[in-house]
Amino acid sequence: MFAIYGLGNPGKEYSRNRHNAGFIFLDYLSDKYGLEKFKKKDNFLYTYIEFDNKKDILIKPKTFMNLSGLAVVRAENFFKIERGKIVIIYDDVALPLSMIRIRERGSEGGHNGLKSITQNLGTNDYSRIRIGVGAPLSNERLKNYVLGDFCEEDIAALKGDIFPKVEDALKLVVSGEIKEAMNRYNERNRAEI
């Protein structure tokens, strides 16, 4: 069983923020598959999803982004998730909105949610799917940008084009084919630049 974490900040005021791309993606899956409502446990929300008749868990940390690792570890312990069966889905300002990137492990790349996860897990050995949200204009502060809302056009692009790619990549990752996901989407991204 995989634990699939979508990162974001709790609270209605953050629900459409670029920083909440992970939460928005999990909501997209929940709506698409008619999943049970997310249930609260400790400092996270969770529900189950099945891909190819295998049950996995979708998890939204209820800590704020910079403390995501606290919820990741709590959920890992509660569900007895094996190391190597964690997937983190999150926003990335280094990628344009149309791009996604899959990695088996790696650095935090300046993302405070990942910093917290790596610190609390004691390793950076976890899979991640990055959802491009674009970069701020040169005079806009990064914090203001990621806490800014997606416009309607961006939400439509996420749900219509980008999230189906993220979903396909996620299915490959949880079926043990992360290299195929990387080849399929990381290469395609490079070709589209």
N, C-alpha and C. Protein backbone atom coordinates (compact mmCIF):
# COMPACT_ATOMS: atom_id res chain seq x y z
N MET A 1 0.84 -1.19 0.00
CA MET A 1 0.00 0.00 0.00
C MET A 1 0.88 1.24 0.00
N PHE A 2 0.60 2.15 -0.92
CA PHE A 2 1.32 3.42 -1.01
C PHE A 2 0.56 4.51 -0.25
N ALA A 3 1.30 5.41 0.34
CA ALA A 3 0.74 6.64 0.91
C ALA A 3 1.05 7.76 -0.07
N ILE A 4 0.01 8.38 -0.59
CA ILE A 4 0.14 9.43 -1.59
C ILE A 4 -0.26 10.74 -0.92
N TYR A 5 0.72 11.59 -0.70
CA TYR A 5 0.51 12.86 0.00
C TYR A 5 0.41 14.00 -1.00
N GLY A 6 -0.66 14.75 -0.94
CA GLY A 6 -0.77 16.00 -1.69
C GLY A 6 -0.50 17.12 -0.70
N LEU A 7 0.45 17.99 -1.04
CA LEU A 7 0.82 19.05 -0.10
C LEU A 7 0.00 20.31 -0.34
N GLY A 8 -0.20 21.06 0.74
CA GLY A 8 -0.93 22.31 0.70
C GLY A 8 -1.09 22.87 2.09
N ASN A 9 -1.82 23.95 2.18
CA ASN A 9 -2.15 24.58 3.47
C ASN A 9 -3.62 24.36 3.76
N PRO A 10 -3.96 24.02 5.00
CA PRO A 10 -5.38 23.84 5.34
C PRO A 10 -6.10 25.18 5.43
N GLY A 11 -7.39 25.15 5.21
CA GLY A 11 -8.19 26.37 5.35
C GLY A 11 -8.73 26.83 4.01
N LYS A 12 -9.97 27.28 4.04
CA LYS A 12 -10.67 27.71 2.82
C LYS A 12 -9.93 28.83 2.10
N GLU A 13 -9.30 29.72 2.87
CA GLU A 13 -8.63 30.87 2.25
C GLU A 13 -7.44 30.47 1.38
N TYR A 14 -6.92 29.23 1.56
CA TYR A 14 -5.78 28.75 0.78
C TYR A 14 -6.20 27.77 -0.32
N SER A 15 -7.46 27.44 -0.41
CA SER A 15 -7.90 26.30 -1.21
C SER A 15 -7.56 26.40 -2.70
N ARG A 16 -7.44 27.60 -3.24
CA ARG A 16 -7.12 27.75 -4.67
C ARG A 16 -5.71 28.27 -4.89
N ASN A 17 -4.91 28.32 -3.84
CA ASN A 17 -3.52 28.81 -3.95
C ASN A 17 -2.67 27.89 -4.81
N ARG A 18 -1.68 28.46 -5.47
CA ARG A 18 -0.72 27.66 -6.23
C ARG A 18 -0.02 26.65 -5.32
N HIS A 19 0.25 27.06 -4.09
CA HIS A 19 0.93 26.19 -3.12
C HIS A 19 0.08 24.96 -2.77
N ASN A 20 -1.21 25.00 -3.09
CA ASN A 20 -2.12 23.90 -2.78
C ASN A 20 -2.35 22.97 -3.96
N ALA A 21 -1.46 22.98 -4.94
CA ALA A 21 -1.63 22.12 -6.12
C ALA A 21 -1.78 20.65 -5.72
N GLY A 22 -1.07 20.22 -4.69
CA GLY A 22 -1.18 18.83 -4.24
C GLY A 22 -2.55 18.52 -3.68
N PHE A 23 -3.08 19.40 -2.84
CA PHE A 23 -4.44 19.23 -2.31
C PHE A 23 -5.47 19.21 -3.45
N ILE A 24 -5.31 20.15 -4.38
CA ILE A 24 -6.27 20.27 -5.48
C ILE A 24 -6.26 19.00 -6.32
N PHE A 25 -5.08 18.42 -6.52
CA PHE A 25 -4.99 17.17 -7.28
C PHE A 25 -5.71 16.03 -6.55
N LEU A 26 -5.51 15.91 -5.24
CA LEU A 26 -6.20 14.85 -4.50
C LEU A 26 -7.71 15.03 -4.55
N ASP A 27 -8.16 16.28 -4.50
CA ASP A 27 -9.61 16.55 -4.64
C ASP A 27 -10.10 16.15 -6.03
N TYR A 28 -9.28 16.39 -7.03
CA TYR A 28 -9.61 15.98 -8.41
C TYR A 28 -9.81 14.47 -8.47
N LEU A 29 -8.88 13.70 -7.87
CA LEU A 29 -9.02 12.24 -7.85
C LEU A 29 -10.27 11.82 -7.09
N SER A 30 -10.51 12.46 -5.95
CA SER A 30 -11.67 12.13 -5.13
C SER A 30 -12.96 12.34 -5.90
N ASP A 31 -13.06 13.45 -6.60
CA ASP A 31 -14.25 13.74 -7.40
C ASP A 31 -14.38 12.77 -8.57
N LYS A 32 -13.28 12.53 -9.26
CA LYS A 32 -13.31 11.67 -10.45
C LYS A 32 -13.75 10.26 -10.12
N TYR A 33 -13.25 9.73 -8.99
CA TYR A 33 -13.54 8.33 -8.64
C TYR A 33 -14.67 8.19 -7.62
N GLY A 34 -15.27 9.31 -7.20
CA GLY A 34 -16.35 9.24 -6.23
C GLY A 34 -15.91 8.59 -4.92
N LEU A 35 -14.73 8.99 -4.44
CA LEU A 35 -14.17 8.39 -3.22
C LEU A 35 -14.94 8.84 -1.99
N GLU A 36 -14.79 8.06 -0.92
CA GLU A 36 -15.36 8.48 0.37
C GLU A 36 -14.74 9.81 0.77
N LYS A 37 -15.51 10.59 1.49
CA LYS A 37 -15.04 11.88 1.98
C LYS A 37 -13.76 11.68 2.81
N PHE A 38 -12.85 12.65 2.72
CA PHE A 38 -11.63 12.59 3.52
C PHE A 38 -12.00 12.60 5.00
N LYS A 39 -11.38 11.71 5.77
CA LYS A 39 -11.62 11.63 7.22
C LYS A 39 -10.44 12.25 7.95
N LYS A 40 -10.72 12.83 9.11
CA LYS A 40 -9.65 13.45 9.91
C LYS A 40 -9.07 12.43 10.87
N LYS A 41 -7.74 12.41 10.95
CA LYS A 41 -7.02 11.60 11.92
C LYS A 41 -5.80 12.41 12.35
N ASP A 42 -5.69 12.69 13.62
CA ASP A 42 -4.54 13.46 14.14
C ASP A 42 -4.36 14.74 13.32
N ASN A 43 -3.21 14.84 12.64
CA ASN A 43 -2.89 16.06 11.91
C ASN A 43 -2.94 15.87 10.39
N PHE A 44 -3.82 14.97 9.93
CA PHE A 44 -3.97 14.76 8.49
C PHE A 44 -5.39 14.29 8.17
N LEU A 45 -5.74 14.41 6.90
CA LEU A 45 -6.99 13.88 6.36
C LEU A 45 -6.63 12.74 5.42
N TYR A 46 -7.49 11.73 5.32
CA TYR A 46 -7.17 10.61 4.44
C TYR A 46 -8.43 9.99 3.85
N THR A 47 -8.24 9.34 2.73
CA THR A 47 -9.25 8.48 2.12
C THR A 47 -8.51 7.44 1.29
N TYR A 48 -9.22 6.42 0.88
CA TYR A 48 -8.60 5.33 0.12
C TYR A 48 -8.97 5.42 -1.35
N ILE A 49 -8.05 4.94 -2.19
CA ILE A 49 -8.28 4.85 -3.63
C ILE A 49 -7.74 3.51 -4.10
N GLU A 50 -8.31 2.98 -5.16
CA GLU A 50 -7.81 1.73 -5.74
C GLU A 50 -7.37 1.99 -7.16
N PHE A 51 -6.13 1.55 -7.45
CA PHE A 51 -5.61 1.51 -8.81
C PHE A 51 -5.31 0.05 -9.10
N ASP A 52 -5.86 -0.48 -10.17
CA ASP A 52 -5.64 -1.89 -10.55
C ASP A 52 -5.91 -2.83 -9.38
N ASN A 53 -7.03 -2.60 -8.68
CA ASN A 53 -7.47 -3.45 -7.57
C ASN A 53 -6.50 -3.48 -6.39
N LYS A 54 -5.62 -2.47 -6.29
CA LYS A 54 -4.73 -2.35 -5.13
C LYS A 54 -5.09 -1.06 -4.40
N LYS A 55 -5.28 -1.18 -3.10
CA LYS A 55 -5.70 -0.04 -2.28
C LYS A 55 -4.48 0.79 -1.87
N ASP A 56 -4.60 2.09 -2.06
CA ASP A 56 -3.62 3.07 -1.62
C ASP A 56 -4.34 4.14 -0.82
N ILE A 57 -3.59 4.99 -0.16
CA ILE A 57 -4.16 6.03 0.70
C ILE A 57 -3.80 7.40 0.15
N LEU A 58 -4.79 8.26 0.04
CA LEU A 58 -4.56 9.66 -0.29
C LEU A 58 -4.56 10.45 1.01
N ILE A 59 -3.55 11.27 1.21
CA ILE A 59 -3.39 11.98 2.49
C ILE A 59 -3.11 13.47 2.26
N LYS A 60 -3.84 14.30 3.00
CA LYS A 60 -3.61 15.75 3.01
C LYS A 60 -3.13 16.13 4.41
N PRO A 61 -1.88 16.57 4.55
CA PRO A 61 -1.45 17.05 5.86
C PRO A 61 -2.29 18.25 6.29
N LYS A 62 -2.69 18.29 7.56
CA LYS A 62 -3.44 19.41 8.11
C LYS A 62 -2.52 20.39 8.83
N THR A 63 -1.25 20.08 8.85
CA THR A 63 -0.27 21.05 9.32
C THR A 63 -0.12 22.07 8.20
N PHE A 64 0.49 23.16 8.43
CA PHE A 64 0.76 24.07 7.33
C PHE A 64 1.95 23.52 6.54
N MET A 65 2.12 24.02 5.32
CA MET A 65 3.12 23.49 4.39
C MET A 65 4.49 23.28 5.05
N ASN A 66 4.95 24.28 5.78
CA ASN A 66 6.30 24.21 6.34
C ASN A 66 6.46 23.15 7.43
N LEU A 67 5.36 22.54 7.87
CA LEU A 67 5.41 21.47 8.87
C LEU A 67 4.85 20.15 8.32
N SER A 68 4.83 20.02 7.01
CA SER A 68 4.26 18.83 6.36
C SER A 68 4.85 17.54 6.88
N GLY A 69 6.12 17.55 7.20
CA GLY A 69 6.80 16.33 7.65
C GLY A 69 6.19 15.73 8.91
N LEU A 70 5.63 16.57 9.78
CA LEU A 70 5.01 16.05 11.00
C LEU A 70 3.83 15.15 10.66
N ALA A 71 3.02 15.57 9.69
CA ALA A 71 1.87 14.76 9.28
C ALA A 71 2.30 13.53 8.50
N VAL A 72 3.34 13.67 7.67
CA VAL A 72 3.84 12.53 6.90
C VAL A 72 4.29 11.41 7.83
N VAL A 73 5.06 11.76 8.85
CA VAL A 73 5.55 10.74 9.79
C VAL A 73 4.39 10.16 10.61
N ARG A 74 3.45 10.99 11.04
CA ARG A 74 2.32 10.50 11.82
C ARG A 74 1.49 9.51 11.00
N ALA A 75 1.22 9.85 9.75
CA ALA A 75 0.45 8.95 8.89
C ALA A 75 1.24 7.69 8.56
N GLU A 76 2.53 7.84 8.33
CA GLU A 76 3.39 6.68 8.05
C GLU A 76 3.32 5.68 9.20
N ASN A 77 3.40 6.18 10.42
CA ASN A 77 3.33 5.31 11.59
C ASN A 77 1.94 4.72 11.79
N PHE A 78 0.90 5.54 11.60
CA PHE A 78 -0.47 5.07 11.81
C PHE A 78 -0.84 3.96 10.83
N PHE A 79 -0.50 4.15 9.55
CA PHE A 79 -0.86 3.17 8.52
C PHE A 79 0.21 2.11 8.31
N LYS A 80 1.34 2.23 9.03
CA LYS A 80 2.45 1.29 8.90
C LYS A 80 2.92 1.20 7.44
N ILE A 81 3.18 2.36 6.89
CA ILE A 81 3.64 2.44 5.50
C ILE A 81 5.12 2.05 5.43
N GLU A 82 5.43 1.18 4.49
CA GLU A 82 6.82 0.78 4.28
C GLU A 82 7.59 1.94 3.66
N ARG A 83 8.84 2.07 4.07
CA ARG A 83 9.71 3.05 3.41
C ARG A 83 9.80 2.65 1.94
N GLY A 84 9.84 3.63 1.08
CA GLY A 84 9.84 3.36 -0.35
C GLY A 84 8.44 3.34 -0.94
N LYS A 85 7.41 3.51 -0.08
CA LYS A 85 6.03 3.52 -0.58
C LYS A 85 5.36 4.84 -0.25
N ILE A 86 6.14 5.90 -0.34
CA ILE A 86 5.64 7.25 -0.12
C ILE A 86 5.79 8.04 -1.42
N VAL A 87 4.71 8.72 -1.81
CA VAL A 87 4.74 9.59 -2.98
C VAL A 87 4.25 10.97 -2.53
N ILE A 88 5.03 11.99 -2.83
CA ILE A 88 4.67 13.37 -2.47
C ILE A 88 4.34 14.12 -3.76
N ILE A 89 3.18 14.78 -3.77
CA ILE A 89 2.74 15.56 -4.93
C ILE A 89 2.64 17.01 -4.49
N TYR A 90 3.33 17.89 -5.21
CA TYR A 90 3.44 19.27 -4.74
C TYR A 90 3.70 20.23 -5.88
N ASP A 91 3.56 21.51 -5.58
CA ASP A 91 3.78 22.60 -6.54
C ASP A 91 5.26 22.88 -6.73
N ASP A 92 5.61 23.36 -7.93
CA ASP A 92 7.00 23.72 -8.21
C ASP A 92 7.04 24.96 -9.09
N VAL A 93 7.64 26.03 -8.57
CA VAL A 93 7.74 27.28 -9.32
C VAL A 93 8.82 27.22 -10.39
N ALA A 94 9.68 26.20 -10.35
CA ALA A 94 10.75 26.08 -11.35
C ALA A 94 10.23 25.49 -12.66
N LEU A 95 8.99 25.03 -12.67
CA LEU A 95 8.40 24.45 -13.88
C LEU A 95 7.22 25.29 -14.33
N PRO A 96 7.07 25.48 -15.66
CA PRO A 96 5.87 26.19 -16.12
C PRO A 96 4.62 25.36 -15.86
N LEU A 97 3.47 26.01 -15.91
CA LEU A 97 2.20 25.38 -15.56
C LEU A 97 1.93 24.10 -16.33
N SER A 98 2.37 23.98 -17.55
CA SER A 98 2.04 22.81 -18.37
C SER A 98 2.90 21.58 -18.07
N MET A 99 3.91 21.72 -17.21
CA MET A 99 4.87 20.63 -17.02
C MET A 99 4.72 19.93 -15.68
N ILE A 100 5.07 18.64 -15.69
CA ILE A 100 5.21 17.87 -14.46
C ILE A 100 6.59 17.22 -14.49
N ARG A 101 7.07 16.80 -13.33
CA ARG A 101 8.37 16.15 -13.25
C ARG A 101 8.29 15.08 -12.18
N ILE A 102 8.83 13.91 -12.47
CA ILE A 102 8.80 12.77 -11.54
C ILE A 102 10.23 12.46 -11.12
N ARG A 103 10.42 12.19 -9.83
CA ARG A 103 11.73 11.83 -9.30
C ARG A 103 11.56 10.71 -8.27
N GLU A 104 12.58 9.84 -8.19
CA GLU A 104 12.58 8.78 -7.17
C GLU A 104 13.02 9.31 -5.82
N ARG A 105 13.89 10.28 -5.83
CA ARG A 105 14.45 10.88 -4.61
C ARG A 105 15.15 12.15 -5.03
N GLY A 106 15.69 12.88 -4.07
CA GLY A 106 16.46 14.06 -4.44
C GLY A 106 16.40 15.14 -3.39
N SER A 107 16.91 16.30 -3.78
CA SER A 107 16.96 17.44 -2.86
C SER A 107 15.60 18.09 -2.76
N GLU A 108 15.50 19.01 -1.84
CA GLU A 108 14.24 19.70 -1.60
C GLU A 108 14.04 20.85 -2.59
N GLY A 109 15.09 21.28 -3.25
CA GLY A 109 14.98 22.34 -4.24
C GLY A 109 14.38 23.63 -3.70
N GLY A 110 14.60 23.92 -2.42
CA GLY A 110 14.08 25.15 -1.82
C GLY A 110 12.63 25.08 -1.39
N HIS A 111 11.98 23.92 -1.54
CA HIS A 111 10.56 23.78 -1.17
C HIS A 111 10.47 23.44 0.32
N ASN A 112 9.83 24.33 1.10
CA ASN A 112 9.79 24.15 2.55
C ASN A 112 9.01 22.92 3.00
N GLY A 113 7.98 22.53 2.24
CA GLY A 113 7.26 21.30 2.57
C GLY A 113 8.16 20.09 2.48
N LEU A 114 8.97 20.02 1.41
CA LEU A 114 9.90 18.90 1.26
C LEU A 114 11.00 18.94 2.31
N LYS A 115 11.46 20.13 2.65
CA LYS A 115 12.48 20.24 3.70
C LYS A 115 11.96 19.62 4.99
N SER A 116 10.73 19.92 5.35
CA SER A 116 10.13 19.38 6.56
C SER A 116 9.99 17.86 6.48
N ILE A 117 9.58 17.36 5.32
CA ILE A 117 9.41 15.92 5.15
C ILE A 117 10.75 15.21 5.28
N THR A 118 11.76 15.71 4.59
CA THR A 118 13.09 15.10 4.65
C THR A 118 13.63 15.12 6.08
N GLN A 119 13.46 16.25 6.75
CA GLN A 119 13.94 16.37 8.13
C GLN A 119 13.23 15.37 9.05
N ASN A 120 11.92 15.25 8.92
CA ASN A 120 11.17 14.38 9.82
C ASN A 120 11.30 12.90 9.48
N LEU A 121 11.44 12.57 8.21
CA LEU A 121 11.66 11.17 7.83
C LEU A 121 13.11 10.75 8.04
N GLY A 122 14.03 11.73 8.02
CA GLY A 122 15.45 11.42 8.15
C GLY A 122 16.04 10.90 6.84
N THR A 123 15.35 11.13 5.74
CA THR A 123 15.82 10.70 4.43
C THR A 123 15.12 11.51 3.34
N ASN A 124 15.77 11.60 2.18
CA ASN A 124 15.11 12.20 1.03
C ASN A 124 14.77 11.12 0.00
N ASP A 125 14.73 9.88 0.47
CA ASP A 125 14.47 8.72 -0.38
C ASP A 125 12.96 8.45 -0.43
N TYR A 126 12.25 9.31 -1.12
CA TYR A 126 10.82 9.13 -1.34
C TYR A 126 10.49 9.70 -2.72
N SER A 127 9.49 9.11 -3.36
CA SER A 127 9.11 9.54 -4.71
C SER A 127 8.37 10.86 -4.65
N ARG A 128 8.49 11.61 -5.73
CA ARG A 128 7.79 12.88 -5.79
C ARG A 128 7.33 13.18 -7.21
N ILE A 129 6.18 13.82 -7.29
CA ILE A 129 5.66 14.31 -8.56
C ILE A 129 5.46 15.80 -8.40
N ARG A 130 6.19 16.56 -9.20
CA ARG A 130 6.14 18.02 -9.13
C ARG A 130 5.17 18.54 -10.18
N ILE A 131 4.30 19.43 -9.76
CA ILE A 131 3.34 20.07 -10.66
C ILE A 131 3.79 21.51 -10.88
N GLY A 132 4.12 21.84 -12.11
CA GLY A 132 4.56 23.19 -12.41
C GLY A 132 3.46 24.21 -12.18
N VAL A 133 3.82 25.30 -11.52
CA VAL A 133 2.87 26.40 -11.30
C VAL A 133 3.40 27.70 -11.88
N GLY A 134 4.55 27.63 -12.55
CA GLY A 134 5.14 28.83 -13.13
C GLY A 134 5.87 29.66 -12.09
N ALA A 135 6.60 30.64 -12.56
CA ALA A 135 7.40 31.50 -11.67
C ALA A 135 6.75 32.87 -11.54
N PRO A 136 7.01 33.53 -10.42
CA PRO A 136 6.47 34.89 -10.25
C PRO A 136 7.16 35.87 -11.19
N LEU A 137 6.48 36.99 -11.43
CA LEU A 137 7.12 38.07 -12.16
C LEU A 137 8.31 38.56 -11.35
N SER A 138 9.26 39.16 -11.99
CA SER A 138 10.52 39.52 -11.32
C SER A 138 10.32 40.40 -10.09
N ASN A 139 9.28 41.21 -10.05
CA ASN A 139 9.09 42.11 -8.90
C ASN A 139 8.13 41.54 -7.84
N GLU A 140 7.64 40.32 -8.05
CA GLU A 140 6.69 39.73 -7.11
C GLU A 140 7.43 38.78 -6.16
N ARG A 141 7.14 38.91 -4.89
CA ARG A 141 7.78 38.03 -3.90
C ARG A 141 7.27 36.61 -4.08
N LEU A 142 8.16 35.64 -3.92
CA LEU A 142 7.82 34.23 -4.10
C LEU A 142 6.68 33.82 -3.17
N LYS A 143 6.75 34.24 -1.91
CA LYS A 143 5.70 33.87 -0.95
C LYS A 143 4.34 34.36 -1.41
N ASN A 144 4.26 35.60 -1.88
CA ASN A 144 2.99 36.15 -2.36
C ASN A 144 2.49 35.38 -3.57
N TYR A 145 3.42 34.97 -4.42
CA TYR A 145 3.04 34.26 -5.63
C TYR A 145 2.46 32.88 -5.32
N VAL A 146 3.17 32.09 -4.51
CA VAL A 146 2.67 30.73 -4.23
C VAL A 146 1.40 30.75 -3.38
N LEU A 147 1.22 31.80 -2.59
CA LEU A 147 -0.01 31.93 -1.81
C LEU A 147 -1.10 32.67 -2.58
N GLY A 148 -0.80 33.01 -3.83
CA GLY A 148 -1.81 33.59 -4.71
C GLY A 148 -2.64 32.48 -5.34
N ASP A 149 -3.85 32.84 -5.76
CA ASP A 149 -4.77 31.85 -6.32
C ASP A 149 -4.50 31.58 -7.79
N PHE A 150 -4.78 30.34 -8.19
CA PHE A 150 -4.86 30.01 -9.61
C PHE A 150 -6.04 30.78 -10.19
N CYS A 151 -5.91 31.28 -11.41
CA CYS A 151 -7.06 31.89 -12.08
C CYS A 151 -7.93 30.78 -12.66
N GLU A 152 -9.12 31.12 -13.10
CA GLU A 152 -10.05 30.13 -13.66
C GLU A 152 -9.43 29.38 -14.83
N GLU A 153 -8.71 30.09 -15.67
CA GLU A 153 -8.07 29.47 -16.84
C GLU A 153 -7.04 28.42 -16.40
N ASP A 154 -6.27 28.73 -15.36
CA ASP A 154 -5.28 27.78 -14.85
C ASP A 154 -5.95 26.55 -14.22
N ILE A 155 -7.04 26.76 -13.47
CA ILE A 155 -7.77 25.64 -12.88
C ILE A 155 -8.29 24.73 -14.00
N ALA A 156 -8.81 25.33 -15.07
CA ALA A 156 -9.30 24.54 -16.20
C ALA A 156 -8.17 23.75 -16.84
N ALA A 157 -6.99 24.36 -16.96
CA ALA A 157 -5.83 23.67 -17.54
C ALA A 157 -5.38 22.52 -16.64
N LEU A 158 -5.37 22.76 -15.33
CA LEU A 158 -4.99 21.71 -14.39
C LEU A 158 -5.91 20.50 -14.54
N LYS A 159 -7.21 20.74 -14.48
CA LYS A 159 -8.18 19.64 -14.50
C LYS A 159 -8.31 19.00 -15.88
N GLY A 160 -8.12 19.79 -16.93
CA GLY A 160 -8.33 19.27 -18.28
C GLY A 160 -7.13 18.59 -18.88
N ASP A 161 -5.92 19.07 -18.57
CA ASP A 161 -4.72 18.56 -19.25
C ASP A 161 -3.65 18.05 -18.29
N ILE A 162 -3.39 18.81 -17.24
CA ILE A 162 -2.23 18.51 -16.37
C ILE A 162 -2.54 17.38 -15.40
N PHE A 163 -3.65 17.44 -14.69
CA PHE A 163 -3.96 16.39 -13.70
C PHE A 163 -4.11 15.00 -14.32
N PRO A 164 -4.66 14.86 -15.53
CA PRO A 164 -4.66 13.52 -16.13
C PRO A 164 -3.25 12.96 -16.32
N LYS A 165 -2.28 13.84 -16.65
CA LYS A 165 -0.89 13.39 -16.76
C LYS A 165 -0.34 12.99 -15.39
N VAL A 166 -0.64 13.80 -14.38
CA VAL A 166 -0.18 13.48 -13.02
C VAL A 166 -0.78 12.14 -12.58
N GLU A 167 -2.06 11.94 -12.87
CA GLU A 167 -2.72 10.69 -12.50
C GLU A 167 -2.07 9.50 -13.18
N ASP A 168 -1.80 9.62 -14.46
CA ASP A 168 -1.15 8.53 -15.20
C ASP A 168 0.23 8.24 -14.62
N ALA A 169 1.00 9.29 -14.34
CA ALA A 169 2.33 9.12 -13.75
C ALA A 169 2.21 8.44 -12.38
N LEU A 170 1.24 8.87 -11.58
CA LEU A 170 1.04 8.29 -10.26
C LEU A 170 0.72 6.80 -10.36
N LYS A 171 -0.14 6.43 -11.29
CA LYS A 171 -0.48 5.01 -11.46
C LYS A 171 0.76 4.19 -11.79
N LEU A 172 1.64 4.75 -12.62
CA LEU A 172 2.89 4.06 -12.94
C LEU A 172 3.77 3.93 -11.70
N VAL A 173 3.87 5.01 -10.94
CA VAL A 173 4.72 4.98 -9.73
C VAL A 173 4.25 3.92 -8.75
N VAL A 174 2.94 3.87 -8.47
CA VAL A 174 2.45 2.92 -7.46
C VAL A 174 2.42 1.49 -7.99
N SER A 175 2.57 1.31 -9.30
CA SER A 175 2.67 -0.05 -9.84
C SER A 175 4.12 -0.48 -10.02
N GLY A 176 5.04 0.32 -9.49
CA GLY A 176 6.46 -0.04 -9.53
C GLY A 176 7.16 0.35 -10.82
N GLU A 177 6.56 1.24 -11.59
CA GLU A 177 7.14 1.63 -12.88
C GLU A 177 7.52 3.10 -12.90
N ILE A 178 8.22 3.53 -11.86
CA ILE A 178 8.59 4.95 -11.78
C ILE A 178 9.52 5.35 -12.92
N LYS A 179 10.40 4.44 -13.35
CA LYS A 179 11.31 4.78 -14.46
C LYS A 179 10.50 5.06 -15.73
N GLU A 180 9.45 4.27 -15.96
CA GLU A 180 8.59 4.49 -17.12
C GLU A 180 7.89 5.84 -16.99
N ALA A 181 7.42 6.18 -15.78
CA ALA A 181 6.78 7.48 -15.57
C ALA A 181 7.77 8.61 -15.87
N MET A 182 9.00 8.45 -15.40
CA MET A 182 10.02 9.47 -15.64
C MET A 182 10.31 9.59 -17.14
N ASN A 183 10.48 8.46 -17.80
CA ASN A 183 10.76 8.48 -19.24
C ASN A 183 9.60 9.10 -20.02
N ARG A 184 8.40 8.74 -19.66
CA ARG A 184 7.22 9.21 -20.39
C ARG A 184 6.99 10.70 -20.21
N TYR A 185 7.08 11.20 -18.98
CA TYR A 185 6.70 12.58 -18.72
C TYR A 185 7.88 13.53 -18.65
N ASN A 186 9.00 13.12 -18.08
CA ASN A 186 10.15 14.03 -18.03
C ASN A 186 10.69 14.28 -19.43
N GLU A 187 10.75 13.26 -20.26
CA GLU A 187 11.21 13.42 -21.64
C GLU A 187 10.23 14.28 -22.44
N ARG A 188 8.94 14.00 -22.29
CA ARG A 188 7.91 14.76 -23.02
C ARG A 188 8.00 16.23 -22.65
N ASN A 189 8.24 16.49 -21.36
CA ASN A 189 8.36 17.88 -20.93
C ASN A 189 9.51 18.57 -21.64
N ARG A 190 10.66 17.86 -21.73
CA ARG A 190 11.82 18.47 -22.39
C ARG A 190 11.51 18.74 -23.85
N ALA A 191 10.78 17.82 -24.50
CA ALA A 191 10.46 17.98 -25.92
C ALA A 191 9.51 19.14 -26.15
N GLU A 192 8.71 19.49 -25.13
CA GLU A 192 7.72 20.56 -25.31
C GLU A 192 8.29 21.95 -25.06
N ILE A 193 9.50 22.01 -24.53
CA ILE A 193 10.10 23.33 -24.22
C ILE A 193 10.46 24.06 -25.51
